[in-house]
N, C-alpha and C. Protein backbone atom coordinates (compact mmCIF):
# COMPACT_ATOMS: atom_id res chain seq x y z
N UNK A 1 0.81 -1.20 0.03
CA UNK A 1 -0.03 0.03 0.01
C UNK A 1 0.88 1.22 0.04
N UNK A 2 0.55 2.10 -0.82
CA UNK A 2 1.32 3.41 -0.96
C UNK A 2 0.99 4.30 0.32
N UNK A 3 1.87 5.23 0.52
CA UNK A 3 1.71 6.20 1.59
C UNK A 3 0.42 6.91 1.52
N UNK A 4 0.07 7.40 0.28
CA UNK A 4 -1.09 8.16 0.14
C UNK A 4 -2.34 7.33 0.54
N UNK A 5 -2.35 6.05 0.14
CA UNK A 5 -3.46 5.21 0.48
C UNK A 5 -3.58 5.15 2.08
N UNK A 6 -2.48 4.99 2.69
CA UNK A 6 -2.47 4.82 4.13
C UNK A 6 -3.06 6.17 4.84
N UNK A 7 -2.60 7.24 4.26
CA UNK A 7 -3.05 8.49 4.84
C UNK A 7 -4.50 8.66 4.63
N UNK A 8 -4.99 8.28 3.43
CA UNK A 8 -6.40 8.38 3.11
C UNK A 8 -7.24 7.55 4.10
N UNK A 9 -6.84 6.22 4.19
CA UNK A 9 -7.51 5.33 5.15
C UNK A 9 -7.50 5.85 6.62
N UNK A 10 -6.47 6.41 7.00
CA UNK A 10 -6.25 6.92 8.41
C UNK A 10 -7.23 8.10 8.61
N UNK A 11 -7.33 8.94 7.57
CA UNK A 11 -8.19 10.11 7.63
C UNK A 11 -9.69 9.75 7.57
N UNK A 12 -10.06 8.74 6.83
CA UNK A 12 -11.47 8.30 6.72
C UNK A 12 -11.93 7.37 7.67
N UNK A 13 -11.05 6.54 8.26
CA UNK A 13 -11.46 5.55 9.25
C UNK A 13 -11.26 6.14 10.62
N UNK A 14 -12.42 6.43 11.26
CA UNK A 14 -12.40 7.12 12.52
C UNK A 14 -12.58 6.20 13.70
N UNK A 15 -12.38 4.93 13.43
CA UNK A 15 -12.59 3.92 14.49
C UNK A 15 -11.27 3.49 15.05
N UNK A 16 -11.19 3.26 16.33
CA UNK A 16 -10.05 2.69 17.08
C UNK A 16 -10.48 1.32 17.55
N UNK A 17 -9.60 0.32 17.40
CA UNK A 17 -9.88 -1.04 17.76
C UNK A 17 -11.20 -1.56 17.01
N UNK A 18 -11.47 -0.98 15.91
CA UNK A 18 -12.77 -1.33 15.16
C UNK A 18 -14.00 -0.96 15.90
N UNK A 19 -14.02 0.14 16.72
CA UNK A 19 -15.18 0.57 17.58
C UNK A 19 -15.44 2.01 17.04
N UNK A 20 -16.73 2.29 16.80
CA UNK A 20 -17.19 3.61 16.51
C UNK A 20 -17.19 4.36 17.82
N UNK A 21 -16.36 5.48 17.84
CA UNK A 21 -16.24 6.18 19.00
C UNK A 21 -17.42 6.86 19.54
N UNK A 22 -18.34 7.29 18.58
CA UNK A 22 -19.62 7.93 18.86
C UNK A 22 -20.47 6.94 19.64
N UNK A 23 -20.50 5.74 19.31
CA UNK A 23 -21.24 4.60 19.99
C UNK A 23 -20.62 4.37 21.38
N UNK A 24 -19.29 4.45 21.35
CA UNK A 24 -18.60 4.19 22.66
C UNK A 24 -19.01 5.24 23.71
N UNK A 25 -19.04 6.53 23.24
CA UNK A 25 -19.38 7.62 24.09
C UNK A 25 -20.81 7.49 24.61
N UNK A 26 -21.66 7.02 23.73
CA UNK A 26 -23.15 7.00 24.15
C UNK A 26 -23.26 6.00 25.26
N UNK A 27 -22.60 4.82 25.17
CA UNK A 27 -22.87 3.69 26.13
C UNK A 27 -21.92 3.76 27.31
N UNK A 28 -20.84 4.55 27.31
CA UNK A 28 -19.91 4.57 28.38
C UNK A 28 -20.43 5.30 29.61
N UNK A 29 -21.25 6.22 29.50
CA UNK A 29 -21.92 6.79 30.67
C UNK A 29 -22.85 5.96 31.44
N UNK A 30 -23.44 4.97 30.83
CA UNK A 30 -24.47 4.19 31.53
C UNK A 30 -23.98 2.73 31.79
N UNK A 31 -22.85 2.34 31.27
CA UNK A 31 -22.48 0.96 31.41
C UNK A 31 -21.16 0.74 32.03
N UNK A 32 -20.98 -0.44 32.56
CA UNK A 32 -19.65 -0.78 33.20
C UNK A 32 -18.68 -1.16 32.15
N UNK A 33 -17.41 -1.25 32.51
CA UNK A 33 -16.36 -1.72 31.51
C UNK A 33 -16.73 -3.07 30.89
N UNK A 34 -17.21 -4.05 31.77
CA UNK A 34 -17.59 -5.38 31.28
C UNK A 34 -18.67 -5.31 30.24
N UNK A 35 -19.78 -4.52 30.44
CA UNK A 35 -20.86 -4.36 29.60
C UNK A 35 -20.46 -3.76 28.29
N UNK A 36 -19.58 -2.75 28.29
CA UNK A 36 -19.11 -2.13 27.10
C UNK A 36 -18.29 -3.15 26.32
N UNK A 37 -17.37 -3.87 26.95
CA UNK A 37 -16.51 -4.89 26.25
C UNK A 37 -17.45 -5.90 25.54
N UNK A 38 -18.49 -6.44 26.20
CA UNK A 38 -19.38 -7.31 25.61
C UNK A 38 -20.22 -6.70 24.48
N UNK A 39 -20.61 -5.45 24.69
CA UNK A 39 -21.44 -4.88 23.63
C UNK A 39 -20.64 -4.60 22.36
N UNK A 40 -19.42 -4.21 22.52
CA UNK A 40 -18.66 -3.82 21.30
C UNK A 40 -17.73 -4.93 20.84
N UNK A 41 -17.60 -6.02 21.60
CA UNK A 41 -16.77 -7.13 21.29
C UNK A 41 -15.29 -6.83 21.32
N UNK A 42 -14.87 -6.10 22.38
CA UNK A 42 -13.47 -5.80 22.62
C UNK A 42 -13.14 -6.26 23.99
N UNK A 43 -11.74 -6.21 24.30
CA UNK A 43 -11.32 -6.60 25.63
C UNK A 43 -11.47 -5.48 26.71
N UNK A 44 -11.34 -5.85 27.85
CA UNK A 44 -11.39 -4.88 29.03
C UNK A 44 -10.29 -3.84 28.82
N UNK A 45 -9.08 -4.31 28.55
CA UNK A 45 -7.92 -3.48 28.31
C UNK A 45 -8.15 -2.39 27.27
N UNK A 46 -8.78 -2.80 26.18
CA UNK A 46 -9.11 -1.90 25.08
C UNK A 46 -10.18 -0.81 25.55
N UNK A 47 -11.17 -1.29 26.32
CA UNK A 47 -12.12 -0.31 26.96
C UNK A 47 -11.37 0.73 27.73
N UNK A 48 -10.45 0.32 28.56
CA UNK A 48 -9.70 1.27 29.42
C UNK A 48 -8.87 2.24 28.62
N UNK A 49 -8.26 1.71 27.49
CA UNK A 49 -7.47 2.49 26.62
C UNK A 49 -8.29 3.54 26.00
N UNK A 50 -9.51 3.14 25.49
CA UNK A 50 -10.42 4.02 24.83
C UNK A 50 -10.83 5.22 25.76
N UNK A 51 -11.10 4.81 26.99
CA UNK A 51 -11.59 5.86 27.95
C UNK A 51 -10.40 6.86 28.11
N UNK A 52 -9.16 6.34 28.33
CA UNK A 52 -8.01 7.24 28.43
C UNK A 52 -7.85 8.19 27.25
N UNK A 53 -8.10 7.59 26.07
CA UNK A 53 -7.90 8.49 24.85
C UNK A 53 -8.96 9.52 24.73
N UNK A 54 -10.16 9.21 25.20
CA UNK A 54 -11.26 10.18 25.12
C UNK A 54 -11.07 11.27 26.14
N UNK A 55 -10.55 10.93 27.31
CA UNK A 55 -10.43 12.03 28.32
C UNK A 55 -9.24 12.89 28.06
N UNK A 56 -8.27 12.46 27.24
CA UNK A 56 -7.12 13.25 26.87
C UNK A 56 -7.51 14.31 25.83
N UNK A 57 -8.49 13.95 24.98
CA UNK A 57 -8.76 14.90 23.94
C UNK A 57 -9.86 15.91 24.31
């Protein structure tokens, strides 16, 4: 893959760990880490990482 293709994909793909961040923000206020992980199909470590990334921005 050429560099331009990688840059285009990075700019257009707004998901981290294959998770739509808008959906993550919607459910993170009402759900526990375990419920979020099950709902989105990711690990608990990935849930914690996403929460850190959201609070930093």
